C-alpha atoms as a PDB file:
ATOM      1  CA  MET A   1       0.000   0.000   0.000  1.00  0.00           C
ATOM      2  CA  THR A   2       1.435   3.346  -1.087  1.00  0.00           C
ATOM      3  CA  GLU A   3       1.004   6.322   1.201  1.00  0.00           C
ATOM      4  CA  VAL A   4      -0.264   9.495  -0.434  1.00  0.00           C
ATOM      5  CA  PRO A   5       1.214  12.772   0.852  1.00  0.00           C
ATOM      6  CA  LEU A   6      -1.462  14.650   2.781  1.00  0.00           C
ATOM      7  CA  ILE A   7      -0.941  17.843   0.746  1.00  0.00           C
ATOM      8  CA  SER A   8      -1.897  16.000  -2.450  1.00  0.00           C
ATOM      9  CA  LEU A   9      -5.480  15.882  -1.148  1.00  0.00           C
ATOM     10  CA  PHE A  10      -5.733  19.676  -1.361  1.00  0.00           C
ATOM     11  CA  ASP A  11      -5.796  22.170  -4.232  1.00  0.00           C
ATOM     12  CA  ALA A  12      -4.461  25.127  -2.278  1.00  0.00           C
ATOM     13  CA  LEU A  13      -2.851  26.277   0.923  1.00  0.00           C
ATOM     14  CA  LEU A  14      -3.636  29.509   2.773  1.00  0.00           C
ATOM     15  CA  ALA A  15      -0.625  30.542   4.808  1.00  0.00           C
ATOM     16  CA  ASP A  16      -0.770  32.938   7.717  1.00  0.00           C
ATOM     17  CA  LEU A  17       2.195  35.262   7.504  1.00  0.00           C
ATOM     18  CA  ASP A  18       3.472  36.882  10.711  1.00  0.00           C
ATOM     19  CA  GLY A  19       5.067  34.204  12.857  1.00  0.00           C
ATOM     20  CA  VAL A  20       4.391  31.442  10.329  1.00  0.00           C
ATOM     21  CA  VAL A  21       6.117  32.487   7.092  1.00  0.00           C
ATOM     22  CA  TYR A  22       8.130  35.365   8.520  1.00  0.00           C
ATOM     23  CA  ALA A  23       8.874  37.198  11.738  1.00  0.00           C
ATOM     24  CA  GLY A  24       9.564  40.844  11.008  1.00  0.00           C
ATOM     25  CA  GLN A  25      12.029  41.054   8.135  1.00  0.00           C
ATOM     26  CA  HIS A  26      13.232  37.431   8.381  1.00  0.00           C
ATOM     27  CA  ALA A  27      11.761  34.185   7.097  1.00  0.00           C
ATOM     28  CA  ILE A  28      10.872  31.437   9.552  1.00  0.00           C
ATOM     29  CA  PRO A  29      13.361  28.571   8.970  1.00  0.00           C
ATOM     30  CA  GLY A  30      12.004  26.138   6.372  1.00  0.00           C
ATOM     31  CA  ALA A  31       8.977  28.244   5.429  1.00  0.00           C
ATOM     32  CA  VAL A  32      10.246  29.573   2.091  1.00  0.00           C
ATOM     33  CA  ASP A  33      11.574  26.153   1.043  1.00  0.00           C
ATOM     34  CA  SER A  34       8.200  24.597   1.836  1.00  0.00           C
ATOM     35  CA  LEU A  35       6.312  27.249  -0.140  1.00  0.00           C
ATOM     36  CA  GLN A  36       8.627  26.781  -3.110  1.00  0.00           C
ATOM     37  CA  GLN A  37       8.040  23.012  -2.988  1.00  0.00           C
ATOM     38  CA  LEU A  38       4.270  23.491  -2.873  1.00  0.00           C
ATOM     39  CA  GLU A  39       4.383  25.793  -5.869  1.00  0.00           C
ATOM     40  CA  GLY A  40       6.452  23.172  -7.694  1.00  0.00           C
ATOM     41  CA  LEU A  41       3.737  20.591  -6.974  1.00  0.00           C
ATOM     42  CA  GLY A  42       1.079  22.857  -8.464  1.00  0.00           C
ATOM     43  CA  ILE A  43      -0.563  23.593  -5.110  1.00  0.00           C
ATOM     44  CA  GLY A  44      -2.209  27.016  -5.170  1.00  0.00           C
ATOM     45  CA  LEU A  45      -0.844  29.441  -2.604  1.00  0.00           C
ATOM     46  CA  GLY A  46      -2.634  32.232  -0.801  1.00  0.00           C
ATOM     47  CA  TYR A  47      -1.318  34.416   1.980  1.00  0.00           C
ATOM     48  CA  VAL A  48      -3.443  35.922   4.742  1.00  0.00           C
ATOM     49  CA  THR A  49      -2.520  38.518   7.328  1.00  0.00           C
ATOM     50  CA  ASN A  50      -4.321  40.415  10.055  1.00  0.00           C
ATOM     51  CA  ASN A  51      -1.705  43.167   9.811  1.00  0.00           C
ATOM     52  CA  ALA A  52      -3.169  45.885   7.602  1.00  0.00           C
ATOM     53  CA  SER A  53      -0.242  48.296   7.923  1.00  0.00           C
ATOM     54  CA  ARG A  54       1.047  47.410   4.425  1.00  0.00           C
ATOM     55  CA  THR A  55      -0.730  46.924   1.127  1.00  0.00           C
ATOM     56  CA  PRO A  56      -1.013  43.426  -0.336  1.00  0.00           C
ATOM     57  CA  ALA A  57       1.498  44.490  -3.020  1.00  0.00           C
ATOM     58  CA  GLN A  58       4.007  45.516  -0.338  1.00  0.00           C
ATOM     59  CA  VAL A  59       3.524  42.232   1.500  1.00  0.00           C
ATOM     60  CA  ALA A  60       3.946  40.243  -1.727  1.00  0.00           C
ATOM     61  CA  ALA A  61       7.140  42.173  -2.494  1.00  0.00           C
ATOM     62  CA  HIS A  62       8.470  41.292   0.969  1.00  0.00           C
ATOM     63  CA  LEU A  63       7.648  37.622   0.371  1.00  0.00           C
ATOM     64  CA  ARG A  64       9.475  37.696  -2.966  1.00  0.00           C
ATOM     65  CA  GLU A  65      12.495  39.351  -1.300  1.00  0.00           C
ATOM     66  CA  LEU A  66      12.572  36.377   1.089  1.00  0.00           C
ATOM     67  CA  GLY A  67      12.454  33.995  -1.885  1.00  0.00           C
ATOM     68  CA  ALA A  68       8.840  32.905  -1.517  1.00  0.00           C
ATOM     69  CA  PRO A  69       6.624  32.634  -4.583  1.00  0.00           C
ATOM     70  CA  ALA A  70       4.069  35.448  -4.324  1.00  0.00           C
ATOM     71  CA  ASP A  71       1.993  37.551  -6.678  1.00  0.00           C
ATOM     72  CA  ASP A  72       0.294  40.693  -5.399  1.00  0.00           C
ATOM     73  CA  ASP A  73      -3.167  39.149  -5.815  1.00  0.00           C
ATOM     74  CA  GLN A  74      -2.244  36.155  -3.636  1.00  0.00           C
ATOM     75  CA  VAL A  75      -2.167  38.317  -0.482  1.00  0.00           C
ATOM     76  CA  VAL A  76      -5.326  39.159   1.460  1.00  0.00           C
ATOM     77  CA  SER A  77      -5.336  41.379   4.522  1.00  0.00           C
ATOM     78  CA  SER A  78      -7.857  41.663   7.323  1.00  0.00           C
ATOM     79  CA  SER A  79      -8.816  45.152   6.103  1.00  0.00           C
ATOM     80  CA  GLN A  80      -9.716  43.732   2.665  1.00  0.00           C
ATOM     81  CA  ALA A  81     -11.794  40.981   4.246  1.00  0.00           C
ATOM     82  CA  ALA A  82     -13.589  43.481   6.488  1.00  0.00           C
ATOM     83  CA  ALA A  83     -14.332  45.817   3.566  1.00  0.00           C
ATOM     84  CA  GLU A  84     -15.756  42.966   1.471  1.00  0.00           C
ATOM     85  CA  LEU A  85     -17.914  41.768   4.363  1.00  0.00           C
ATOM     86  CA  LEU A  86     -19.193  45.283   5.012  1.00  0.00           C
ATOM     87  CA  ALA A  87     -19.956  45.817   1.335  1.00  0.00           C
ATOM     88  CA  SER A  88     -21.983  42.590   1.287  1.00  0.00           C
ATOM     89  CA  LEU A  89     -24.030  43.680   4.326  1.00  0.00           C
ATOM     90  CA  VAL A  90     -24.692  47.352   3.576  1.00  0.00           C
ATOM     91  CA  ALA A  91     -26.530  48.523   0.495  1.00  0.00           C
ATOM     92  CA  PRO A  92     -24.792  51.362  -1.344  1.00  0.00           C
ATOM     93  CA  GLU A  93     -26.392  54.798  -0.973  1.00  0.00           C
ATOM     94  CA  HIS A  94     -27.509  56.586  -4.101  1.00  0.00           C
ATOM     95  CA  GLY A  95     -27.283  60.321  -4.660  1.00  0.00           C
ATOM     96  CA  CYS A  96     -24.112  60.995  -2.664  1.00  0.00           C
END
């Protein structure tokens, strides 16, 4: 019986950033290598952060500087999630 790697059961991975992929300006040991391997296996990558002090593009640039595969649209911040939730709950006003 051949064992199937657990990750092969999934299409994508959402990675928390601060303290998981990096701590401040430095990568967590093994994180970048793991992300590169996942990308090589065709596993979709998404990055989530509750730190809204930088834009998703800035965060993606930081990830790339560390050697992690990251496009700007792969990063989602808590402020983006909150704005989308709010927009889905509140009807837009007309005439403003």
